[in-house]
């Protein structure tokens, strides 16, 4: 049996989802790629999943992409905000 702390699930990790909506798919993806790169260089102790299209990628004519950031320290995620 795999323990939840071994694969980074709650309650051992906290998660933050950040989403970007843009007129084009390319623009939404690029904005999340830039943010992901910036966060990787600025914060330690985080794991970034994505970027990836949001569950519902197109809403109201806008494309949405997201990243999910995981950390053992909730304060790290608050610092990102």
Protein backbone atom coordinates (compact mmCIF):
# COMPACT_ATOMS: atom_id res chain seq x y z
CA UNK A 1 0.00 0.00 0.00
CA UNK A 2 1.32 3.47 -0.92
CA UNK A 3 1.13 6.09 1.80
CA UNK A 4 -0.42 9.46 0.94
CA UNK A 5 2.66 11.33 2.16
CA UNK A 6 4.81 9.35 -0.28
CA UNK A 7 2.95 10.69 -3.32
CA UNK A 8 2.28 14.21 -2.09
CA UNK A 9 -1.40 14.12 -1.20
CA UNK A 10 -3.35 15.91 1.51
CA UNK A 11 -3.03 16.23 4.46
CA UNK A 12 0.73 16.06 3.95
CA UNK A 13 0.79 18.71 1.19
CA UNK A 14 -1.13 21.90 0.49
CA UNK A 15 -2.17 22.86 -3.04
CA UNK A 16 -2.71 26.12 -4.91
CA UNK A 17 -4.33 26.32 -8.35
CA UNK A 18 -3.60 29.30 -10.59
CA UNK A 19 -5.51 29.74 -13.84
CA UNK A 20 -5.05 32.10 -16.78
CA UNK A 21 -7.74 32.91 -19.35
CA UNK A 22 -6.79 34.42 -22.70
CA UNK A 23 -8.33 34.92 -26.15
CA UNK A 24 -6.02 32.35 -27.74
CA UNK A 25 -4.88 28.93 -26.57
CA UNK A 26 -1.27 29.82 -27.33
CA UNK A 27 -1.39 32.97 -25.20
CA UNK A 28 -2.94 31.14 -22.23
CA UNK A 29 -0.34 28.38 -22.43
CA UNK A 30 2.57 30.85 -22.78
CA UNK A 31 1.44 32.87 -19.76
CA UNK A 32 1.34 29.75 -17.59
CA UNK A 33 4.74 28.60 -18.90
CA UNK A 34 6.27 31.98 -17.97
CA UNK A 35 4.72 31.94 -14.51
CA UNK A 36 5.80 28.34 -13.92
CA UNK A 37 9.41 29.16 -14.86
CA UNK A 38 9.43 32.25 -12.66
CA UNK A 39 8.05 30.37 -9.65
CA UNK A 40 10.51 27.48 -10.05
CA UNK A 41 13.39 29.95 -9.84
CA UNK A 42 11.97 31.95 -6.95
CA UNK A 43 10.63 29.43 -4.43
CA UNK A 44 12.08 26.29 -2.92
CA UNK A 45 10.06 23.41 -1.53
CA UNK A 46 7.36 23.55 -4.19
CA UNK A 47 6.27 21.12 -6.88
CA UNK A 48 4.54 22.53 -9.95
CA UNK A 49 2.12 20.36 -11.93
CA UNK A 50 1.44 21.64 -15.42
CA UNK A 51 0.84 23.88 -17.14
CA UNK A 52 -2.12 22.11 -18.62
CA UNK A 53 -5.49 23.06 -20.09
CA UNK A 54 -8.16 23.64 -17.46
CA UNK A 55 -10.83 20.95 -17.11
CA UNK A 56 -13.15 23.10 -19.23
CA UNK A 57 -10.61 24.65 -21.57
CA UNK A 58 -12.80 27.16 -23.41
CA UNK A 59 -15.34 29.29 -21.57
CA UNK A 60 -17.08 32.31 -23.05
CA UNK A 61 -14.64 32.62 -25.94
CA UNK A 62 -11.55 32.44 -23.68
CA UNK A 63 -9.07 29.59 -23.32
CA UNK A 64 -8.04 28.62 -19.79
CA UNK A 65 -4.79 26.98 -18.72
CA UNK A 66 -3.70 26.17 -15.18
CA UNK A 67 -0.86 25.17 -12.92
CA UNK A 68 -1.16 23.44 -9.56
CA UNK A 69 1.51 24.18 -6.98
CA UNK A 70 2.09 21.76 -4.08
CA UNK A 71 4.07 22.47 -0.93
CA UNK A 72 4.40 20.97 2.53
CA UNK A 73 4.25 24.50 3.96
CA UNK A 74 1.06 26.46 3.53
CA UNK A 75 3.00 29.67 4.21
CA UNK A 76 5.03 29.11 1.02
CA UNK A 77 1.84 29.05 -1.02
CA UNK A 78 0.63 32.22 0.72
CA UNK A 79 3.93 33.90 -0.18
CA UNK A 80 3.33 33.05 -3.83
CA UNK A 81 -0.01 34.84 -3.72
